[in-house]
Amino acid sequence: MSNKEKNLFVTFYTTAEAMATEQSCSSSNIEGKLVPVPRVLSAGCGVAWKGRPEDIDITTQMLKDNDIEWEEITIL
């Protein structure tokens, strides 16, 4: 059994929202990057934000503060 590191994933309906997230996270010093959506998740645009699980609250608040629409926020 492997102890895989968990990650925070945010999926989006559009690529524009994913790109806005990348820019806003960078401006807010929230660590992460855009990645293809993991197979176990579904996403309208196929792009997800991958970050640290411990940043779930600040990431969610940043999305709300910047009026960025997301599809799902999960930790895998």
PDB file of N, CA and C in Angstrom:
ATOM      1  N   MET A   1       0.835  -1.194   0.000  1.00  0.00           N
ATOM      2  CA  MET A   1       0.000   0.000   0.000  1.00  0.00           C
ATOM      3  C   MET A   1       0.866   1.239   0.000  1.00  0.00           C
ATOM      4  N   SER A   2       0.562   2.163  -0.876  1.00  0.00           N
ATOM      5  CA  SER A   2       1.341   3.397  -0.929  1.00  0.00           C
ATOM      6  C   SER A   2       0.600   4.511  -0.191  1.00  0.00           C
ATOM      7  N   ASN A   3       1.368   5.376   0.419  1.00  0.00           N
ATOM      8  CA  ASN A   3       0.809   6.547   1.077  1.00  0.00           C
ATOM      9  C   ASN A   3       0.939   7.730   0.135  1.00  0.00           C
ATOM     10  N   LYS A   4       0.050   7.805  -0.813  1.00  0.00           N
ATOM     11  CA  LYS A   4       0.105   8.894  -1.786  1.00  0.00           C
ATOM     12  C   LYS A   4      -0.263  10.202  -1.116  1.00  0.00           C
ATOM     13  N   GLU A   5       0.454  11.222  -1.502  1.00  0.00           N
ATOM     14  CA  GLU A   5       0.185  12.556  -0.987  1.00  0.00           C
ATOM     15  C   GLU A   5      -1.155  13.053  -1.526  1.00  0.00           C
ATOM     16  N   LYS A   6      -1.939  13.629  -0.651  1.00  0.00           N
ATOM     17  CA  LYS A   6      -3.246  14.169  -1.064  1.00  0.00           C
ATOM     18  C   LYS A   6      -3.060  15.562  -1.653  1.00  0.00           C
ATOM     19  N   ASN A   7      -3.930  15.913  -2.584  1.00  0.00           N
ATOM     20  CA  ASN A   7      -3.913  17.227  -3.211  1.00  0.00           C
ATOM     21  C   ASN A   7      -5.318  17.808  -3.248  1.00  0.00           C
ATOM     22  N   LEU A   8      -5.371  19.122  -3.259  1.00  0.00           N
ATOM     23  CA  LEU A   8      -6.621  19.854  -3.437  1.00  0.00           C
ATOM     24  C   LEU A   8      -6.833  20.034  -4.935  1.00  0.00           C
ATOM     25  N   PHE A   9      -8.037  19.733  -5.424  1.00  0.00           N
ATOM     26  CA  PHE A   9      -8.360  19.957  -6.830  1.00  0.00           C
ATOM     27  C   PHE A   9      -9.608  20.817  -6.929  1.00  0.00           C
ATOM     28  N   VAL A  10      -9.538  21.833  -7.779  1.00  0.00           N
ATOM     29  CA  VAL A  10     -10.690  22.672  -8.087  1.00  0.00           C
ATOM     30  C   VAL A  10     -10.955  22.508  -9.573  1.00  0.00           C
ATOM     31  N   THR A  11     -12.171  22.098  -9.935  1.00  0.00           N
ATOM     32  CA  THR A  11     -12.523  21.958 -11.348  1.00  0.00           C
ATOM     33  C   THR A  11     -13.438  23.104 -11.761  1.00  0.00           C
ATOM     34  N   PHE A  12     -13.462  23.353 -13.058  1.00  0.00           N
ATOM     35  CA  PHE A  12     -14.154  24.522 -13.599  1.00  0.00           C
ATOM     36  C   PHE A  12     -15.005  24.164 -14.808  1.00  0.00           C
ATOM     37  N   TYR A  13     -15.993  25.004 -15.075  1.00  0.00           N
ATOM     38  CA  TYR A  13     -16.829  24.852 -16.269  1.00  0.00           C
ATOM     39  C   TYR A  13     -16.116  25.390 -17.506  1.00  0.00           C
ATOM     40  N   THR A  14     -15.274  26.421 -17.314  1.00  0.00           N
ATOM     41  CA  THR A  14     -14.606  27.037 -18.458  1.00  0.00           C
ATOM     42  C   THR A  14     -13.111  27.211 -18.191  1.00  0.00           C
ATOM     43  N   THR A  15     -12.345  27.217 -19.258  1.00  0.00           N
ATOM     44  CA  THR A  15     -10.910  27.447 -19.159  1.00  0.00           C
ATOM     45  C   THR A  15     -10.622  28.857 -18.658  1.00  0.00           C
ATOM     46  N   ALA A  16     -11.458  29.813 -19.009  1.00  0.00           N
ATOM     47  CA  ALA A  16     -11.269  31.194 -18.553  1.00  0.00           C
ATOM     48  C   ALA A  16     -11.300  31.267 -17.022  1.00  0.00           C
ATOM     49  N   GLU A  17     -12.204  30.520 -16.388  1.00  0.00           N
ATOM     50  CA  GLU A  17     -12.282  30.510 -14.926  1.00  0.00           C
ATOM     51  C   GLU A  17     -11.027  29.857 -14.335  1.00  0.00           C
ATOM     52  N   ALA A  18     -10.538  28.811 -14.975  1.00  0.00           N
ATOM     53  CA  ALA A  18      -9.314  28.147 -14.513  1.00  0.00           C
ATOM     54  C   ALA A  18      -8.128  29.108 -14.584  1.00  0.00           C
ATOM     55  N   MET A  19      -8.026  29.841 -15.670  1.00  0.00           N
ATOM     56  CA  MET A  19      -6.930  30.792 -15.841  1.00  0.00           C
ATOM     57  C   MET A  19      -7.044  31.954 -14.852  1.00  0.00           C
ATOM     58  N   ALA A  20      -8.264  32.394 -14.579  1.00  0.00           N
ATOM     59  CA  ALA A  20      -8.477  33.454 -13.587  1.00  0.00           C
ATOM     60  C   ALA A  20      -8.050  32.969 -12.206  1.00  0.00           C
ATOM     61  N   THR A  21      -8.277  31.693 -11.924  1.00  0.00           N
ATOM     62  CA  THR A  21      -7.866  31.117 -10.650  1.00  0.00           C
ATOM     63  C   THR A  21      -6.348  31.108 -10.535  1.00  0.00           C
ATOM     64  N   GLU A  22      -5.675  30.715 -11.603  1.00  0.00           N
ATOM     65  CA  GLU A  22      -4.214  30.701 -11.589  1.00  0.00           C
ATOM     66  C   GLU A  22      -3.664  32.095 -11.283  1.00  0.00           C
ATOM     67  N   GLN A  23      -4.217  33.090 -11.931  1.00  0.00           N
ATOM     68  CA  GLN A  23      -3.758  34.465 -11.736  1.00  0.00           C
ATOM     69  C   GLN A  23      -4.059  34.949 -10.309  1.00  0.00           C
ATOM     70  N   SER A  24      -5.261  34.671  -9.829  1.00  0.00           N
ATOM     71  CA  SER A  24      -5.648  35.112  -8.485  1.00  0.00           C
ATOM     72  C   SER A  24      -4.861  34.386  -7.394  1.00  0.00           C
ATOM     73  N   CYS A  25      -4.617  33.101  -7.574  1.00  0.00           N
ATOM     74  CA  CYS A  25      -3.826  32.357  -6.596  1.00  0.00           C
ATOM     75  C   CYS A  25      -2.391  32.880  -6.570  1.00  0.00           C
ATOM     76  N   SER A  26      -1.846  33.162  -7.724  1.00  0.00           N
ATOM     77  CA  SER A  26      -0.493  33.703  -7.796  1.00  0.00           C
ATOM     78  C   SER A  26      -0.419  35.045  -7.071  1.00  0.00           C
ATOM     79  N   SER A  27      -1.394  35.911  -7.301  1.00  0.00           N
ATOM     80  CA  SER A  27      -1.442  37.224  -6.648  1.00  0.00           C
ATOM     81  C   SER A  27      -1.614  37.100  -5.138  1.00  0.00           C
ATOM     82  N   SER A  28      -2.284  36.035  -4.702  1.00  0.00           N
ATOM     83  CA  SER A  28      -2.558  35.818  -3.272  1.00  0.00           C
ATOM     84  C   SER A  28      -1.523  34.912  -2.608  1.00  0.00           C
ATOM     85  N   ASN A  29      -0.481  34.540  -3.357  1.00  0.00           N
ATOM     86  CA  ASN A  29       0.567  33.641  -2.849  1.00  0.00           C
ATOM     87  C   ASN A  29       0.008  32.307  -2.360  1.00  0.00           C
ATOM     88  N   ILE A  30      -0.962  31.777  -3.096  1.00  0.00           N
ATOM     89  CA  ILE A  30      -1.507  30.449  -2.814  1.00  0.00           C
ATOM     90  C   ILE A  30      -0.801  29.475  -3.753  1.00  0.00           C
ATOM     91  N   GLU A  31      -0.125  28.502  -3.167  1.00  0.00           N
ATOM     92  CA  GLU A  31       0.682  27.566  -3.936  1.00  0.00           C
ATOM     93  C   GLU A  31      -0.177  26.603  -4.745  1.00  0.00           C
ATOM     94  N   GLY A  32       0.206  26.376  -6.006  1.00  0.00           N
ATOM     95  CA  GLY A  32      -0.492  25.410  -6.840  1.00  0.00           C
ATOM     96  C   GLY A  32      -0.251  25.680  -8.309  1.00  0.00           C
ATOM     97  N   LYS A  33      -0.947  24.913  -9.164  1.00  0.00           N
ATOM     98  CA  LYS A  33      -0.792  25.076 -10.613  1.00  0.00           C
ATOM     99  C   LYS A  33      -1.983  24.459 -11.332  1.00  0.00           C
ATOM    100  N   LEU A  34      -2.139  24.825 -12.597  1.00  0.00           N
ATOM    101  CA  LEU A  34      -3.173  24.226 -13.432  1.00  0.00           C
ATOM    102  C   LEU A  34      -2.676  22.887 -13.954  1.00  0.00           C
ATOM    103  N   VAL A  35      -3.570  21.893 -13.948  1.00  0.00           N
ATOM    104  CA  VAL A  35      -3.234  20.541 -14.393  1.00  0.00           C
ATOM    105  C   VAL A  35      -4.441  19.955 -15.135  1.00  0.00           C
ATOM    106  N   PRO A  36      -4.223  18.893 -15.919  1.00  0.00           N
ATOM    107  CA  PRO A  36      -5.375  18.192 -16.488  1.00  0.00           C
ATOM    108  C   PRO A  36      -6.221  17.600 -15.353  1.00  0.00           C
ATOM    109  N   VAL A  37      -7.521  17.550 -15.544  1.00  0.00           N
ATOM    110  CA  VAL A  37      -8.413  17.014 -14.514  1.00  0.00           C
ATOM    111  C   VAL A  37      -8.130  15.528 -14.305  1.00  0.00           C
ATOM    112  N   PRO A  38      -7.948  15.095 -13.046  1.00  0.00           N
ATOM    113  CA  PRO A  38      -7.766  13.665 -12.780  1.00  0.00           C
ATOM    114  C   PRO A  38      -8.961  12.860 -13.292  1.00  0.00           C
ATOM    115  N   ARG A  39      -8.724  11.661 -13.733  1.00  0.00           N
ATOM    116  CA  ARG A  39      -9.778  10.828 -14.335  1.00  0.00           C
ATOM    117  C   ARG A  39     -10.974  10.584 -13.420  1.00  0.00           C
ATOM    118  N   VAL A  40     -10.728  10.559 -12.108  1.00  0.00           N
ATOM    119  CA  VAL A  40     -11.818  10.271 -11.175  1.00  0.00           C
ATOM    120  C   VAL A  40     -12.782  11.443 -11.023  1.00  0.00           C
ATOM    121  N   LEU A  41     -12.407  12.608 -11.542  1.00  0.00           N
ATOM    122  CA  LEU A  41     -13.273  13.785 -11.497  1.00  0.00           C
ATOM    123  C   LEU A  41     -13.776  14.099 -12.895  1.00  0.00           C
ATOM    124  N   SER A  42     -14.880  14.825 -12.957  1.00  0.00           N
ATOM    125  CA  SER A  42     -15.337  15.298 -14.254  1.00  0.00           C
ATOM    126  C   SER A  42     -15.276  16.817 -14.231  1.00  0.00           C
ATOM    127  N   ALA A  43     -14.981  17.395 -15.375  1.00  0.00           N
ATOM    128  CA  ALA A  43     -14.950  18.858 -15.445  1.00  0.00           C
ATOM    129  C   ALA A  43     -15.291  19.293 -16.842  1.00  0.00           C
ATOM    130  N   GLY A  44     -16.059  20.346 -16.929  1.00  0.00           N
ATOM    131  CA  GLY A  44     -16.480  20.861 -18.221  1.00  0.00           C
ATOM    132  C   GLY A  44     -15.334  21.248 -19.122  1.00  0.00           C
ATOM    133  N   CYS A  45     -14.263  21.837 -18.552  1.00  0.00           N
ATOM    134  CA  CYS A  45     -13.203  22.354 -19.416  1.00  0.00           C
ATOM    135  C   CYS A  45     -11.976  21.462 -19.473  1.00  0.00           C
ATOM    136  N   GLY A  46     -11.867  20.470 -18.590  1.00  0.00           N
ATOM    137  CA  GLY A  46     -10.731  19.565 -18.619  1.00  0.00           C
ATOM    138  C   GLY A  46      -9.496  20.071 -17.896  1.00  0.00           C
ATOM    139  N   VAL A  47      -9.576  21.262 -17.285  1.00  0.00           N
ATOM    140  CA  VAL A  47      -8.449  21.838 -16.561  1.00  0.00           C
ATOM    141  C   VAL A  47      -8.840  22.020 -15.103  1.00  0.00           C
ATOM    142  N   ALA A  48      -7.910  21.709 -14.197  1.00  0.00           N
ATOM    143  CA  ALA A  48      -8.163  21.852 -12.763  1.00  0.00           C
ATOM    144  C   ALA A  48      -7.024  22.615 -12.111  1.00  0.00           C
ATOM    145  N   TRP A  49      -7.317  23.231 -10.976  1.00  0.00           N
ATOM    146  CA  TRP A  49      -6.285  23.832 -10.131  1.00  0.00           C
ATOM    147  C   TRP A  49      -5.879  22.776  -9.122  1.00  0.00           C
ATOM    148  N   LYS A  50      -4.584  22.529  -9.009  1.00  0.00           N
ATOM    149  CA  LYS A  50      -4.054  21.561  -8.050  1.00  0.00           C
ATOM    150  C   LYS A  50      -3.267  22.336  -7.003  1.00  0.00           C
ATOM    151  N   GLY A  51      -3.693  22.201  -5.752  1.00  0.00           N
ATOM    152  CA  GLY A  51      -3.028  22.916  -4.674  1.00  0.00           C
ATOM    153  C   GLY A  51      -2.854  22.035  -3.460  1.00  0.00           C
ATOM    154  N   ARG A  52      -2.507  22.683  -2.361  1.00  0.00           N
ATOM    155  CA  ARG A  52      -2.273  21.970  -1.108  1.00  0.00           C
ATOM    156  C   ARG A  52      -3.587  21.821  -0.344  1.00  0.00           C
ATOM    157  N   PRO A  53      -3.860  20.634   0.203  1.00  0.00           N
ATOM    158  CA  PRO A  53      -5.121  20.411   0.931  1.00  0.00           C
ATOM    159  C   PRO A  53      -5.318  21.384   2.092  1.00  0.00           C
ATOM    160  N   GLU A  54      -4.227  21.769   2.733  1.00  0.00           N
ATOM    161  CA  GLU A  54      -4.347  22.684   3.870  1.00  0.00           C
ATOM    162  C   GLU A  54      -4.772  24.093   3.449  1.00  0.00           C
ATOM    163  N   ASP A  55      -4.743  24.362   2.150  1.00  0.00           N
ATOM    164  CA  ASP A  55      -5.150  25.681   1.629  1.00  0.00           C
ATOM    165  C   ASP A  55      -6.607  25.715   1.163  1.00  0.00           C
ATOM    166  N   ILE A  56      -7.392  24.688   1.493  1.00  0.00           N
ATOM    167  CA  ILE A  56      -8.769  24.610   0.979  1.00  0.00           C
ATOM    168  C   ILE A  56      -9.586  25.841   1.381  1.00  0.00           C
ATOM    169  N   ASP A  57      -9.458  26.291   2.619  1.00  0.00           N
ATOM    170  CA  ASP A  57     -10.269  27.426   3.072  1.00  0.00           C
ATOM    171  C   ASP A  57      -9.863  28.732   2.394  1.00  0.00           C
ATOM    172  N   ILE A  58      -8.551  28.993   2.309  1.00  0.00           N
ATOM    173  CA  ILE A  58      -8.135  30.253   1.679  1.00  0.00           C
ATOM    174  C   ILE A  58      -8.377  30.221   0.168  1.00  0.00           C
ATOM    175  N   THR A  59      -8.265  29.035  -0.431  1.00  0.00           N
ATOM    176  CA  THR A  59      -8.541  28.920  -1.867  1.00  0.00           C
ATOM    177  C   THR A  59     -10.024  29.161  -2.138  1.00  0.00           C
ATOM    178  N   THR A  60     -10.890  28.550  -1.347  1.00  0.00           N
ATOM    179  CA  THR A  60     -12.335  28.743  -1.511  1.00  0.00           C
ATOM    180  C   THR A  60     -12.702  30.208  -1.315  1.00  0.00           C
ATOM    181  N   GLN A  61     -12.132  30.854  -0.302  1.00  0.00           N
ATOM    182  CA  GLN A  61     -12.429  32.260  -0.050  1.00  0.00           C
ATOM    183  C   GLN A  61     -11.931  33.142  -1.192  1.00  0.00           C
ATOM    184  N   MET A  62     -10.743  32.828  -1.735  1.00  0.00           N
ATOM    185  CA  MET A  62     -10.199  33.591  -2.858  1.00  0.00           C
ATOM    186  C   MET A  62     -11.115  33.473  -4.074  1.00  0.00           C
ATOM    187  N   LEU A  63     -11.638  32.272  -4.333  1.00  0.00           N
ATOM    188  CA  LEU A  63     -12.555  32.078  -5.462  1.00  0.00           C
ATOM    189  C   LEU A  63     -13.806  32.932  -5.278  1.00  0.00           C
ATOM    190  N   LYS A  64     -14.353  32.926  -4.062  1.00  0.00           N
ATOM    191  CA  LYS A  64     -15.550  33.729  -3.777  1.00  0.00           C
ATOM    192  C   LYS A  64     -15.260  35.220  -3.896  1.00  0.00           C
ATOM    193  N   ASP A  65     -14.136  35.657  -3.326  1.00  0.00           N
ATOM    194  CA  ASP A  65     -13.773  37.080  -3.345  1.00  0.00           C
ATOM    195  C   ASP A  65     -13.569  37.605  -4.759  1.00  0.00           C
ATOM    196  N   ASN A  66     -13.118  36.734  -5.665  1.00  0.00           N
ATOM    197  CA  ASN A  66     -12.829  37.146  -7.041  1.00  0.00           C
ATOM    198  C   ASN A  66     -13.938  36.763  -8.017  1.00  0.00           C
ATOM    199  N   ASP A  67     -15.091  36.335  -7.484  1.00  0.00           N
ATOM    200  CA  ASP A  67     -16.237  35.942  -8.310  1.00  0.00           C
ATOM    201  C   ASP A  67     -15.869  34.934  -9.394  1.00  0.00           C
ATOM    202  N   ILE A  68     -15.056  33.953  -9.007  1.00  0.00           N
ATOM    203  CA  ILE A  68     -14.664  32.887  -9.932  1.00  0.00           C
ATOM    204  C   ILE A  68     -15.599  31.707  -9.708  1.00  0.00           C
ATOM    205  N   GLU A  69     -16.233  31.263 -10.780  1.00  0.00           N
ATOM    206  CA  GLU A  69     -17.168  30.141 -10.686  1.00  0.00           C
ATOM    207  C   GLU A  69     -16.404  28.829 -10.848  1.00  0.00           C
ATOM    208  N   TRP A  70     -16.608  27.927  -9.897  1.00  0.00           N
ATOM    209  CA  TRP A  70     -15.966  26.612  -9.975  1.00  0.00           C
ATOM    210  C   TRP A  70     -17.040  25.535  -9.991  1.00  0.00           C
ATOM    211  N   GLU A  71     -16.618  24.367 -10.435  1.00  0.00           N
ATOM    212  CA  GLU A  71     -17.528  23.232 -10.522  1.00  0.00           C
ATOM    213  C   GLU A  71     -17.475  22.396  -9.247  1.00  0.00           C
ATOM    214  N   GLU A  72     -16.270  22.042  -8.821  1.00  0.00           N
ATOM    215  CA  GLU A  72     -16.108  21.168  -7.654  1.00  0.00           C
ATOM    216  C   GLU A  72     -14.784  21.473  -6.970  1.00  0.00           C
ATOM    217  N   ILE A  73     -14.775  21.365  -5.645  1.00  0.00           N
ATOM    218  CA  ILE A  73     -13.548  21.461  -4.853  1.00  0.00           C
ATOM    219  C   ILE A  73     -13.450  20.167  -4.056  1.00  0.00           C
ATOM    220  N   THR A  74     -12.353  19.456  -4.227  1.00  0.00           N
ATOM    221  CA  THR A  74     -12.205  18.161  -3.553  1.00  0.00           C
ATOM    222  C   THR A  74     -10.751  17.897  -3.206  1.00  0.00           C
ATOM    223  N   ILE A  75     -10.550  17.013  -2.264  1.00  0.00           N
ATOM    224  CA  ILE A  75      -9.201  16.572  -1.915  1.00  0.00           C
ATOM    225  C   ILE A  75      -9.097  15.095  -2.259  1.00  0.00           C
ATOM    226  N   LEU A  76      -8.077  14.781  -3.047  1.00  0.00           N
ATOM    227  CA  LEU A  76      -7.822  13.393  -3.490  1.00  0.00           C
ATOM    228  C   LEU A  76      -6.401  12.995  -3.108  1.00  0.00           C
TER     229      LEU A  76
END
